[in-house]
Full PDB file with SEQRES, HELIX, SHEET, SSBOND, CRYST1, ORIGX, SCALE, CONECT and MASTER records, all heavy atoms in Angstrom:
SEQRES   1 A   37  ASP ALA VAL GLY LYS TRP GLN VAL VAL ASP SER SER PRO          
SEQRES   2 A   37  ASP PHE LYS VAL GLN LEU VAL GLN ASP TRP PRO ASP PHE          
SEQRES   3 A   37  THR ILE GLN TYR VAL GLU ASN TRP PRO GLY LEU                  
CRYST1    1.000    1.000    1.000  90.00  90.00  90.00 P 1           1          
ORIGX1      1.000000  0.000000  0.000000        0.00000                         
ORIGX2      0.000000  1.000000  0.000000        0.00000                         
ORIGX3      0.000000  0.000000  1.000000        0.00000                         
SCALE1      1.000000  0.000000  0.000000        0.00000                         
SCALE2      0.000000  1.000000  0.000000        0.00000                         
SCALE3      0.000000  0.000000  1.000000        0.00000                         
ATOM      1  N   ASP A   1      82.043  81.663 -21.168  1.00  0.00           N  
ATOM      2  CA  ASP A   1      81.652  83.045 -21.400  1.00  0.00           C  
ATOM      3  C   ASP A   1      80.193  83.241 -21.777  1.00  0.00           C  
ATOM      4  O   ASP A   1      79.826  84.257 -22.343  1.00  0.00           O  
ATOM      5  CB  ASP A   1      82.553  83.648 -22.477  1.00  0.00           C  
ATOM      6  CG  ASP A   1      82.509  82.840 -23.772  1.00  0.00           C  
ATOM      7  OD1 ASP A   1      81.811  81.801 -23.818  1.00  0.00           O  
ATOM      8  OD2 ASP A   1      83.181  83.243 -24.728  1.00  0.00           O  
ATOM      9  N   ALA A   2      79.348  82.251 -21.474  1.00  0.00           N  
ATOM     10  CA  ALA A   2      77.930  82.387 -21.785  1.00  0.00           C  
ATOM     11  C   ALA A   2      77.121  81.689 -20.690  1.00  0.00           C  
ATOM     12  O   ALA A   2      77.635  80.840 -19.966  1.00  0.00           O  
ATOM     13  CB  ALA A   2      77.617  81.782 -23.151  1.00  0.00           C  
ATOM     14  N   VAL A   3      75.861  82.036 -20.604  1.00  0.00           N  
ATOM     15  CA  VAL A   3      74.985  81.492 -19.569  1.00  0.00           C  
ATOM     16  C   VAL A   3      75.031  79.968 -19.571  1.00  0.00           C  
ATOM     17  O   VAL A   3      74.874  79.333 -20.614  1.00  0.00           O  
ATOM     18  CB  VAL A   3      73.538  81.967 -19.791  1.00  0.00           C  
ATOM     19  CG1 VAL A   3      72.619  81.375 -18.728  1.00  0.00           C  
ATOM     20  CG2 VAL A   3      73.470  83.472 -19.768  1.00  0.00           C  
ATOM     21  N   GLY A   4      75.304  79.383 -18.409  1.00  0.00           N  
ATOM     22  CA  GLY A   4      75.315  77.933 -18.267  1.00  0.00           C  
ATOM     23  C   GLY A   4      76.640  77.266 -18.579  1.00  0.00           C  
ATOM     24  O   GLY A   4      76.765  76.063 -18.409  1.00  0.00           O  
ATOM     25  N   LYS A   5      77.627  78.020 -19.030  1.00  0.00           N  
ATOM     26  CA  LYS A   5      78.949  77.430 -19.278  1.00  0.00           C  
ATOM     27  C   LYS A   5      79.801  77.587 -18.026  1.00  0.00           C  
ATOM     28  O   LYS A   5      80.053  78.704 -17.581  1.00  0.00           O  
ATOM     29  CB  LYS A   5      79.636  78.094 -20.478  1.00  0.00           C  
ATOM     30  CG  LYS A   5      79.003  77.738 -21.795  1.00  0.00           C  
ATOM     31  CD  LYS A   5      79.824  78.276 -22.944  1.00  0.00           C  
ATOM     32  CE  LYS A   5      79.246  77.862 -24.281  1.00  0.00           C  
ATOM     33  NZ  LYS A   5      80.054  78.350 -25.399  1.00  0.00           N  
ATOM     34  N   TRP A   6      80.195  76.449 -17.461  1.00  0.00           N  
ATOM     35  CA  TRP A   6      80.998  76.446 -16.248  1.00  0.00           C  
ATOM     36  C   TRP A   6      82.328  75.780 -16.501  1.00  0.00           C  
ATOM     37  O   TRP A   6      82.394  74.702 -17.081  1.00  0.00           O  
ATOM     38  CB  TRP A   6      80.285  75.688 -15.128  1.00  0.00           C  
ATOM     39  CG  TRP A   6      79.062  76.353 -14.573  1.00  0.00           C  
ATOM     40  CD1 TRP A   6      78.434  77.461 -15.031  1.00  0.00           C  
ATOM     41  CD2 TRP A   6      78.308  75.918 -13.442  1.00  0.00           C  
ATOM     42  NE1 TRP A   6      77.341  77.762 -14.270  1.00  0.00           N  
ATOM     43  CE2 TRP A   6      77.235  76.811 -13.275  1.00  0.00           C  
ATOM     44  CE3 TRP A   6      78.431  74.857 -12.558  1.00  0.00           C  
ATOM     45  CZ2 TRP A   6      76.305  76.681 -12.258  1.00  0.00           C  
ATOM     46  CZ3 TRP A   6      77.502  74.724 -11.550  1.00  0.00           C  
ATOM     47  CH2 TRP A   6      76.452  75.634 -11.393  1.00  0.00           C  
ATOM     48  N   GLN A   7      83.401  76.415 -16.053  1.00  0.00           N  
ATOM     49  CA  GLN A   7      84.734  75.823 -16.077  1.00  0.00           C  
ATOM     50  C   GLN A   7      85.099  75.500 -14.632  1.00  0.00           C  
ATOM     51  O   GLN A   7      85.156  76.393 -13.785  1.00  0.00           O  
ATOM     52  CB  GLN A   7      85.753  76.788 -16.683  1.00  0.00           C  
ATOM     53  CG  GLN A   7      87.165  76.221 -16.732  1.00  0.00           C  
ATOM     54  CD  GLN A   7      88.165  77.207 -17.313  1.00  0.00           C  
ATOM     55  OE1 GLN A   7      87.837  78.316 -17.701  1.00  0.00           O  
ATOM     56  NE2 GLN A   7      89.412  76.794 -17.349  1.00  0.00           N  
ATOM     57  N   VAL A   8      85.310  74.229 -14.334  1.00  0.00           N  
ATOM     58  CA  VAL A   8      85.612  73.806 -12.965  1.00  0.00           C  
ATOM     59  C   VAL A   8      87.080  74.098 -12.660  1.00  0.00           C  
ATOM     60  O   VAL A   8      87.965  73.710 -13.422  1.00  0.00           O  
ATOM     61  CB  VAL A   8      85.301  72.303 -12.775  1.00  0.00           C  
ATOM     62  CG1 VAL A   8      85.641  71.860 -11.360  1.00  0.00           C  
ATOM     63  CG2 VAL A   8      83.836  72.017 -13.090  1.00  0.00           C  
ATOM     64  N   VAL A   9      87.303  74.806 -11.543  1.00  0.00           N  
ATOM     65  CA  VAL A   9      88.660  75.175 -11.130  1.00  0.00           C  
ATOM     66  C   VAL A   9      88.868  74.811  -9.664  1.00  0.00           C  
ATOM     67  O   VAL A   9      87.909  74.586  -8.922  1.00  0.00           O  
ATOM     68  CB  VAL A   9      88.922  76.685 -11.343  1.00  0.00           C  
ATOM     69  CG1 VAL A   9      88.847  77.051 -12.808  1.00  0.00           C  
ATOM     70  CG2 VAL A   9      87.982  77.538 -10.515  1.00  0.00           C  
ATOM     71  N   ASP A  10      90.134  74.760  -9.243  1.00  0.00           N  
ATOM     72  CA  ASP A  10      90.477  74.484  -7.856  1.00  0.00           C  
ATOM     73  C   ASP A  10      90.813  75.744  -7.067  1.00  0.00           C  
ATOM     74  O   ASP A  10      90.914  75.698  -5.846  1.00  0.00           O  
ATOM     75  CB  ASP A  10      91.663  73.514  -7.785  1.00  0.00           C  
ATOM     76  CG  ASP A  10      91.296  72.136  -8.290  1.00  0.00           C  
ATOM     77  OD1 ASP A  10      90.152  71.691  -8.070  1.00  0.00           O  
ATOM     78  OD2 ASP A  10      92.159  71.490  -8.918  1.00  0.00           O  
ATOM     79  N   SER A  11      91.008  76.849  -7.781  1.00  0.00           N  
ATOM     80  CA  SER A  11      91.319  78.105  -7.097  1.00  0.00           C  
ATOM     81  C   SER A  11      90.851  79.280  -7.941  1.00  0.00           C  
ATOM     82  O   SER A  11      90.620  79.147  -9.141  1.00  0.00           O  
ATOM     83  CB  SER A  11      92.819  78.209  -6.827  1.00  0.00           C  
ATOM     84  OG  SER A  11      93.532  78.209  -8.044  1.00  0.00           O  
ATOM     85  N   SER A  12      90.713  80.418  -7.309  1.00  0.00           N  
ATOM     86  CA  SER A  12      90.290  81.668  -7.953  1.00  0.00           C  
ATOM     87  C   SER A  12      88.984  81.521  -8.749  1.00  0.00           C  
ATOM     88  O   SER A  12      88.916  81.920  -9.906  1.00  0.00           O  
ATOM     89  CB  SER A  12      91.399  82.196  -8.864  1.00  0.00           C  
ATOM     90  OG  SER A  12      92.576  82.415  -8.131  1.00  0.00           O  
ATOM     91  N   PRO A  13      87.928  80.981  -8.113  1.00  0.00           N  
ATOM     92  CA  PRO A  13      86.665  80.841  -8.836  1.00  0.00           C  
ATOM     93  C   PRO A  13      85.907  82.162  -8.925  1.00  0.00           C  
ATOM     94  O   PRO A  13      86.137  83.073  -8.116  1.00  0.00           O  
ATOM     95  CB  PRO A  13      85.884  79.852  -7.969  1.00  0.00           C  
ATOM     96  CG  PRO A  13      86.352  80.162  -6.582  1.00  0.00           C  
ATOM     97  CD  PRO A  13      87.832  80.490  -6.740  1.00  0.00           C  
ATOM     98  N   ASP A  14      85.004  82.244  -9.888  1.00  0.00           N  
ATOM     99  CA  ASP A  14      84.070  83.363  -9.946  1.00  0.00           C  
ATOM    100  C   ASP A  14      82.976  83.167  -8.891  1.00  0.00           C  
ATOM    101  O   ASP A  14      82.434  84.135  -8.362  1.00  0.00           O  
ATOM    102  CB  ASP A  14      83.439  83.473 -11.335  1.00  0.00           C  
ATOM    103  CG  ASP A  14      84.472  83.809 -12.398  1.00  0.00           C  
ATOM    104  OD1 ASP A  14      85.358  84.646 -12.121  1.00  0.00           O  
ATOM    105  OD2 ASP A  14      84.403  83.240 -13.497  1.00  0.00           O  
ATOM    106  N   PHE A  15      82.629  81.905  -8.625  1.00  0.00           N  
ATOM    107  CA  PHE A  15      81.663  81.582  -7.585  1.00  0.00           C  
ATOM    108  C   PHE A  15      81.886  80.151  -7.110  1.00  0.00           C  
ATOM    109  O   PHE A  15      82.507  79.355  -7.802  1.00  0.00           O  
ATOM    110  CB  PHE A  15      80.218  81.791  -8.058  1.00  0.00           C  
ATOM    111  CG  PHE A  15      79.834  81.030  -9.287  1.00  0.00           C  
ATOM    112  CD1 PHE A  15      79.143  79.826  -9.192  1.00  0.00           C  
ATOM    113  CD2 PHE A  15      80.132  81.511 -10.554  1.00  0.00           C  
ATOM    114  CE1 PHE A  15      78.772  79.125 -10.326  1.00  0.00           C  
ATOM    115  CE2 PHE A  15      79.766  80.821 -11.698  1.00  0.00           C  
ATOM    116  CZ  PHE A  15      79.082  79.618 -11.578  1.00  0.00           C  
ATOM    117  N   LYS A  16      81.383  79.856  -5.890  1.00  0.00           N  
ATOM    118  CA  LYS A  16      81.550  78.537  -5.291  1.00  0.00           C  
ATOM    119  C   LYS A  16      80.191  77.871  -5.136  1.00  0.00           C  
ATOM    120  O   LYS A  16      79.210  78.534  -4.774  1.00  0.00           O  
ATOM    121  CB  LYS A  16      82.230  78.648  -3.924  1.00  0.00           C  
ATOM    122  CG  LYS A  16      83.648  79.184  -4.004  1.00  0.00           C  
ATOM    123  CD  LYS A  16      84.288  79.283  -2.640  1.00  0.00           C  
ATOM    124  CE  LYS A  16      83.740  80.500  -1.924  1.00  0.00           C  
ATOM    125  NZ  LYS A  16      84.404  80.788  -0.655  1.00  0.00           N  
ATOM    126  N   VAL A  17      80.159  76.563  -5.392  1.00  0.00           N  
ATOM    127  CA  VAL A  17      78.916  75.795  -5.367  1.00  0.00           C  
ATOM    128  C   VAL A  17      79.075  74.593  -4.450  1.00  0.00           C  
ATOM    129  O   VAL A  17      80.109  73.925  -4.470  1.00  0.00           O  
ATOM    130  CB  VAL A  17      78.554  75.333  -6.805  1.00  0.00           C  
ATOM    131  CG1 VAL A  17      77.492  74.261  -6.796  1.00  0.00           C  
ATOM    132  CG2 VAL A  17      78.124  76.515  -7.643  1.00  0.00           C  
ATOM    133  N   GLN A  18      78.044  74.335  -3.671  1.00  0.00           N  
ATOM    134  CA  GLN A  18      77.976  73.117  -2.863  1.00  0.00           C  
ATOM    135  C   GLN A  18      76.807  72.293  -3.392  1.00  0.00           C  
ATOM    136  O   GLN A  18      75.702  72.811  -3.560  1.00  0.00           O  
ATOM    137  CB  GLN A  18      77.747  73.448  -1.391  1.00  0.00           C  
ATOM    138  CG  GLN A  18      77.644  72.216  -0.505  1.00  0.00           C  
ATOM    139  CD  GLN A  18      77.396  72.575   0.955  1.00  0.00           C  
ATOM    140  OE1 GLN A  18      77.187  73.733   1.306  1.00  0.00           O  
ATOM    141  NE2 GLN A  18      77.410  71.576   1.810  1.00  0.00           N  
ATOM    142  N   LEU A  19      77.061  71.014  -3.671  1.00  0.00           N  
ATOM    143  CA  LEU A  19      76.000  70.125  -4.128  1.00  0.00           C  
ATOM    144  C   LEU A  19      75.210  69.631  -2.926  1.00  0.00           C  
ATOM    145  O   LEU A  19      75.789  69.157  -1.949  1.00  0.00           O  
ATOM    146  CB  LEU A  19      76.586  68.951  -4.913  1.00  0.00           C  
ATOM    147  CG  LEU A  19      77.348  69.326  -6.181  1.00  0.00           C  
ATOM    148  CD1 LEU A  19      77.935  68.082  -6.831  1.00  0.00           C  
ATOM    149  CD2 LEU A  19      76.461  70.075  -7.158  1.00  0.00           C  
ATOM    150  N   VAL A  20      73.888  69.758  -3.000  1.00  0.00           N  
ATOM    151  CA  VAL A  20      73.012  69.357  -1.907  1.00  0.00           C  
ATOM    152  C   VAL A  20      71.840  68.548  -2.449  1.00  0.00           C  
ATOM    153  O   VAL A  20      71.538  68.597  -3.648  1.00  0.00           O  
ATOM    154  CB  VAL A  20      72.478  70.582  -1.124  1.00  0.00           C  
ATOM    155  CG1 VAL A  20      73.615  71.353  -0.480  1.00  0.00           C  
ATOM    156  CG2 VAL A  20      71.652  71.501  -2.011  1.00  0.00           C  
ATOM    157  N   GLN A  21      71.180  67.825  -1.571  1.00  0.00           N  
ATOM    158  CA  GLN A  21      69.947  67.110  -1.931  1.00  0.00           C  
ATOM    159  C   GLN A  21      68.710  67.888  -1.506  1.00  0.00           C  
ATOM    160  O   GLN A  21      67.661  67.789  -2.128  1.00  0.00           O  
ATOM    161  CB  GLN A  21      69.938  65.718  -1.292  1.00  0.00           C  
ATOM    162  CG  GLN A  21      70.905  64.757  -1.927  1.00  0.00           C  
ATOM    163  CD  GLN A  21      70.596  64.508  -3.395  1.00  0.00           C  
ATOM    164  OE1 GLN A  21      69.446  64.273  -3.773  1.00  0.00           O  
ATOM    165  NE2 GLN A  21      71.605  64.591  -4.240  1.00  0.00           N  
ATOM    166  N   ASP A  22      68.838  68.643  -0.422  1.00  0.00           N  
ATOM    167  CA  ASP A  22      67.693  69.365   0.124  1.00  0.00           C  
ATOM    168  C   ASP A  22      67.969  70.858   0.188  1.00  0.00           C  
ATOM    169  O   ASP A  22      69.089  71.287   0.420  1.00  0.00           O  
ATOM    170  CB  ASP A  22      67.391  68.854   1.538  1.00  0.00           C  
ATOM    171  CG  ASP A  22      67.049  67.378   1.544  1.00  0.00           C  
ATOM    172  OD1 ASP A  22      66.213  66.953   0.732  1.00  0.00           O  
ATOM    173  OD2 ASP A  22      67.640  66.646   2.363  1.00  0.00           O  
ATOM    174  N   TRP A  23      66.923  71.639  -0.020  1.00  0.00           N  
ATOM    175  CA  TRP A  23      66.962  73.094   0.104  1.00  0.00           C  
ATOM    176  C   TRP A  23      67.999  73.768  -0.795  1.00  0.00           C  
ATOM    177  O   TRP A  23      68.790  74.588  -0.345  1.00  0.00           O  
ATOM    178  CB  TRP A  23      67.181  73.507   1.556  1.00  0.00           C  
ATOM    179  CG  TRP A  23      66.260  72.811   2.504  1.00  0.00           C  
ATOM    180  CD1 TRP A  23      66.607  71.844   3.397  1.00  0.00           C  
ATOM    181  CD2 TRP A  23      64.849  72.979   2.625  1.00  0.00           C  
ATOM    182  NE1 TRP A  23      65.487  71.408   4.070  1.00  0.00           N  
ATOM    183  CE2 TRP A  23      64.401  72.093   3.617  1.00  0.00           C  
ATOM    184  CE3 TRP A  23      63.914  73.798   1.977  1.00  0.00           C  
ATOM    185  CZ2 TRP A  23      63.065  71.998   3.989  1.00  0.00           C  
ATOM    186  CZ3 TRP A  23      62.587  73.696   2.350  1.00  0.00           C  
ATOM    187  CH2 TRP A  23      62.173  72.816   3.344  1.00  0.00           C  
ATOM    188  N   PRO A  24      68.015  73.427  -2.087  1.00  0.00           N  
ATOM    189  CA  PRO A  24      68.954  74.115  -2.983  1.00  0.00           C  
ATOM    190  C   PRO A  24      68.497  75.540  -3.275  1.00  0.00           C  
ATOM    191  O   PRO A  24      67.309  75.849  -3.182  1.00  0.00           O  
ATOM    192  CB  PRO A  24      68.904  73.263  -4.251  1.00  0.00           C  
ATOM    193  CG  PRO A  24      67.501  72.735  -4.268  1.00  0.00           C  
ATOM    194  CD  PRO A  24      67.173  72.461  -2.799  1.00  0.00           C  
ATOM    195  N   ASP A  25      69.459  76.382  -3.630  1.00  0.00           N  
ATOM    196  CA  ASP A  25      69.124  77.725  -4.117  1.00  0.00           C  
ATOM    197  C   ASP A  25      68.537  77.635  -5.518  1.00  0.00           C  
ATOM    198  O   ASP A  25      67.674  78.436  -5.892  1.00  0.00           O  
ATOM    199  CB  ASP A  25      70.364  78.619  -4.130  1.00  0.00           C  
ATOM    200  CG  ASP A  25      70.918  78.860  -2.732  1.00  0.00           C  
ATOM    201  OD1 ASP A  25      70.122  78.978  -1.774  1.00  0.00           O  
ATOM    202  OD2 ASP A  25      72.151  78.911  -2.592  1.00  0.00           O  
ATOM    203  N   PHE A  26      69.024  76.662  -6.291  1.00  0.00           N  
ATOM    204  CA  PHE A  26      68.477  76.389  -7.617  1.00  0.00           C  
ATOM    205  C   PHE A  26      68.940  75.009  -8.063  1.00  0.00           C  
ATOM    206  O   PHE A  26      69.805  74.403  -7.443  1.00  0.00           O  
ATOM    207  CB  PHE A  26      68.880  77.464  -8.642  1.00  0.00           C  
ATOM    208  CG  PHE A  26      70.358  77.627  -8.853  1.00  0.00           C  
ATOM    209  CD1 PHE A  26      71.004  76.961  -9.888  1.00  0.00           C  
ATOM    210  CD2 PHE A  26      71.115  78.448  -8.043  1.00  0.00           C  
ATOM    211  CE1 PHE A  26      72.366  77.108 -10.095  1.00  0.00           C  
ATOM    212  CE2 PHE A  26      72.477  78.615  -8.239  1.00  0.00           C  
ATOM    213  CZ  PHE A  26      73.104  77.939  -9.262  1.00  0.00           C  
ATOM    214  N   THR A  27      68.326  74.509  -9.150  1.00  0.00           N  
ATOM    215  CA  THR A  27      68.664  73.186  -9.663  1.00  0.00           C  
ATOM    216  C   THR A  27      69.369  73.316 -11.009  1.00  0.00           C  
ATOM    217  O   THR A  27      69.142  74.274 -11.749  1.00  0.00           O  
ATOM    218  CB  THR A  27      67.403  72.310  -9.833  1.00  0.00           C  
ATOM    219  OG1 THR A  27      66.513  72.944 -10.762  1.00  0.00           O  
ATOM    220  CG2 THR A  27      66.704  72.090  -8.493  1.00  0.00           C  
ATOM    221  N   ILE A  28      70.232  72.321 -11.297  1.00  0.00           N  
ATOM    222  CA  ILE A  28      70.928  72.302 -12.586  1.00  0.00           C  
ATOM    223  C   ILE A  28      70.780  70.924 -13.224  1.00  0.00           C  
ATOM    224  O   ILE A  28      70.538  69.931 -12.538  1.00  0.00           O  
ATOM    225  CB  ILE A  28      72.426  72.654 -12.465  1.00  0.00           C  
ATOM    226  CG1 ILE A  28      73.192  71.593 -11.654  1.00  0.00           C  
ATOM    227  CG2 ILE A  28      72.614  74.043 -11.882  1.00  0.00           C  
ATOM    228  CD1 ILE A  28      74.707  71.737 -11.717  1.00  0.00           C  
ATOM    229  N   GLN A  29      70.930  70.919 -14.526  1.00  0.00           N  
ATOM    230  CA  GLN A  29      71.002  69.676 -15.299  1.00  0.00           C  
ATOM    231  C   GLN A  29      72.230  69.801 -16.188  1.00  0.00           C  
ATOM    232  O   GLN A  29      72.409  70.822 -16.865  1.00  0.00           O  
ATOM    233  CB  GLN A  29      69.752  69.489 -16.157  1.00  0.00           C  
ATOM    234  CG  GLN A  29      69.800  68.266 -17.052  1.00  0.00           C  
ATOM    235  CD  GLN A  29      68.575  68.189 -17.965  1.00  0.00           C  
ATOM    236  OE1 GLN A  29      67.803  69.124 -18.089  1.00  0.00           O  
ATOM    237  NE2 GLN A  29      68.408  67.060 -18.606  1.00  0.00           N  
ATOM    238  N   TYR A  30      73.091  68.778 -16.157  1.00  0.00           N  
ATOM    239  CA  TYR A  30      74.257  68.791 -17.034  1.00  0.00           C  
ATOM    240  C   TYR A  30      73.817  68.436 -18.449  1.00  0.00           C  
ATOM    241  O   TYR A  30      73.044  67.498 -18.655  1.00  0.00           O  
ATOM    242  CB  TYR A  30      75.316  67.797 -16.560  1.00  0.00           C  
ATOM    243  CG  TYR A  30      76.068  68.255 -15.333  1.00  0.00           C  
ATOM    244  CD1 TYR A  30      76.028  67.522 -14.159  1.00  0.00           C  
ATOM    245  CD2 TYR A  30      76.833  69.420 -15.354  1.00  0.00           C  
ATOM    246  CE1 TYR A  30      76.728  67.936 -13.026  1.00  0.00           C  
ATOM    247  CE2 TYR A  30      77.534  69.838 -14.227  1.00  0.00           C  
ATOM    248  CZ  TYR A  30      77.468  69.095 -13.085  1.00  0.00           C  
ATOM    249  OH  TYR A  30      78.158  69.512 -11.972  1.00  0.00           O  
ATOM    250  N   VAL A  31      74.300  69.199 -19.428  1.00  0.00           N  
ATOM    251  CA  VAL A  31      73.967  68.978 -20.837  1.00  0.00           C  
ATOM    252  C   VAL A  31      75.228  69.045 -21.683  1.00  0.00           C  
ATOM    253  O   VAL A  31      76.239  69.624 -21.269  1.00  0.00           O  
ATOM    254  CB  VAL A  31      72.941  70.024 -21.354  1.00  0.00           C  
ATOM    255  CG1 VAL A  31      71.616  69.900 -20.620  1.00  0.00           C  
ATOM    256  CG2 VAL A  31      73.477  71.443 -21.248  1.00  0.00           C  
ATOM    257  N   GLU A  32      75.166  68.449 -22.847  1.00  0.00           N  
ATOM    258  CA  GLU A  32      76.263  68.538 -23.815  1.00  0.00           C  
ATOM    259  C   GLU A  32      76.027  69.678 -24.805  1.00  0.00           C  
ATOM    260  O   GLU A  32      76.963  70.220 -25.368  1.00  0.00           O  
ATOM    261  CB  GLU A  32      76.397  67.210 -24.575  1.00  0.00           C  
ATOM    262  CG  GLU A  32      76.957  66.085 -23.733  1.00  0.00           C  
ATOM    263  CD  GLU A  32      78.377  66.359 -23.232  1.00  0.00           C  
ATOM    264  OE1 GLU A  32      79.208  66.849 -24.029  1.00  0.00           O  
ATOM    265  OE2 GLU A  32      78.632  66.113 -22.043  1.00  0.00           O  
ATOM    266  N   ASN A  33      74.757  69.994 -25.039  1.00  0.00           N  
ATOM    267  CA  ASN A  33      74.387  71.029 -26.007  1.00  0.00           C  
ATOM    268  C   ASN A  33      73.372  71.985 -25.401  1.00  0.00           C  
ATOM    269  O   ASN A  33      72.590  71.605 -24.535  1.00  0.00           O  
ATOM    270  CB  ASN A  33      73.786  70.383 -27.259  1.00  0.00           C  
ATOM    271  CG  ASN A  33      74.753  69.443 -27.930  1.00  0.00           C  
ATOM    272  OD1 ASN A  33      75.845  69.838 -28.312  1.00  0.00           O  
ATOM    273  ND2 ASN A  33      74.376  68.177 -28.033  1.00  0.00           N  
ATOM    274  N   TRP A  34      73.375  73.184 -25.876  1.00  0.00           N  
ATOM    275  CA  TRP A  34      72.407  74.214 -25.516  1.00  0.00           C  
ATOM    276  C   TRP A  34      72.337  74.480 -24.028  1.00  0.00           C  
ATOM    277  O   TRP A  34      71.273  74.354 -23.404  1.00  0.00           O  
ATOM    278  CB  TRP A  34      71.022  73.871 -26.073  1.00  0.00           C  
ATOM    279  CG  TRP A  34      71.045  73.745 -27.552  1.00  0.00           C  
ATOM    280  CD1 TRP A  34      71.216  74.763 -28.449  1.00  0.00           C  
ATOM    281  CD2 TRP A  34      70.923  72.546 -28.316  1.00  0.00           C  
ATOM    282  NE1 TRP A  34      71.205  74.263 -29.720  1.00  0.00           N  
ATOM    283  CE2 TRP A  34      71.017  72.890 -29.672  1.00  0.00           C  
ATOM    284  CE3 TRP A  34      70.742  71.221 -27.985  1.00  0.00           C  
ATOM    285  CZ2 TRP A  34      70.947  71.971 -30.691  1.00  0.00           C  
ATOM    286  CZ3 TRP A  34      70.657  70.289 -28.999  1.00  0.00           C  
ATOM    287  CH2 TRP A  34      70.756  70.677 -30.340  1.00  0.00           C  
ATOM    288  N   PRO A  35      73.463  74.883 -23.397  1.00  0.00           N  
ATOM    289  CA  PRO A  35      73.404  75.286 -22.000  1.00  0.00           C  
ATOM    290  C   PRO A  35      72.664  76.616 -21.863  1.00  0.00           C  
ATOM    291  O   PRO A  35      72.495  77.346 -22.844  1.00  0.00           O  
ATOM    292  CB  PRO A  35      74.880  75.435 -21.620  1.00  0.00           C  
ATOM    293  CG  PRO A  35      75.555  75.812 -22.899  1.00  0.00           C  
ATOM    294  CD  PRO A  35      74.813  75.053 -23.966  1.00  0.00           C  
ATOM    295  N   GLY A  36      72.240  76.896 -20.663  1.00  0.00           N  
ATOM    296  CA  GLY A  36      71.590  78.174 -20.393  1.00  0.00           C  
ATOM    297  C   GLY A  36      70.250  77.983 -19.718  1.00  0.00           C  
ATOM    298  O   GLY A  36      69.969  76.939 -19.123  1.00  0.00           O  
ATOM    299  N   LEU A  37      69.434  78.986 -19.834  1.00  0.00           N  
ATOM    300  CA  LEU A  37      68.108  78.937 -19.224  1.00  0.00           C  
ATOM    301  C   LEU A  37      67.198  78.078 -20.086  1.00  0.00           C  
ATOM    302  O   LEU A  37      67.195  78.219 -21.304  1.00  0.00           O  
ATOM    303  CB  LEU A  37      67.556  80.352 -19.070  1.00  0.00           C  
ATOM    304  CG  LEU A  37      68.405  81.276 -18.184  1.00  0.00           C  
ATOM    305  CD1 LEU A  37      67.867  82.694 -18.244  1.00  0.00           C  
ATOM    306  CD2 LEU A  37      68.424  80.782 -16.758  1.00  0.00           C  
TER     307      LEU A  37                                                      
MASTER        0    0    0    0    0    0    0    6  306    1    0    3          
END                                                                             
């Protein structure tokens, strides 16, 4: 319920993501603390 918090699901997602190496729409870094911008 906050920026950067993702719950991985197999159905009924809020949005779908494809992992790529080239030409991403944006980049992410997995963190344990302080998710967000």
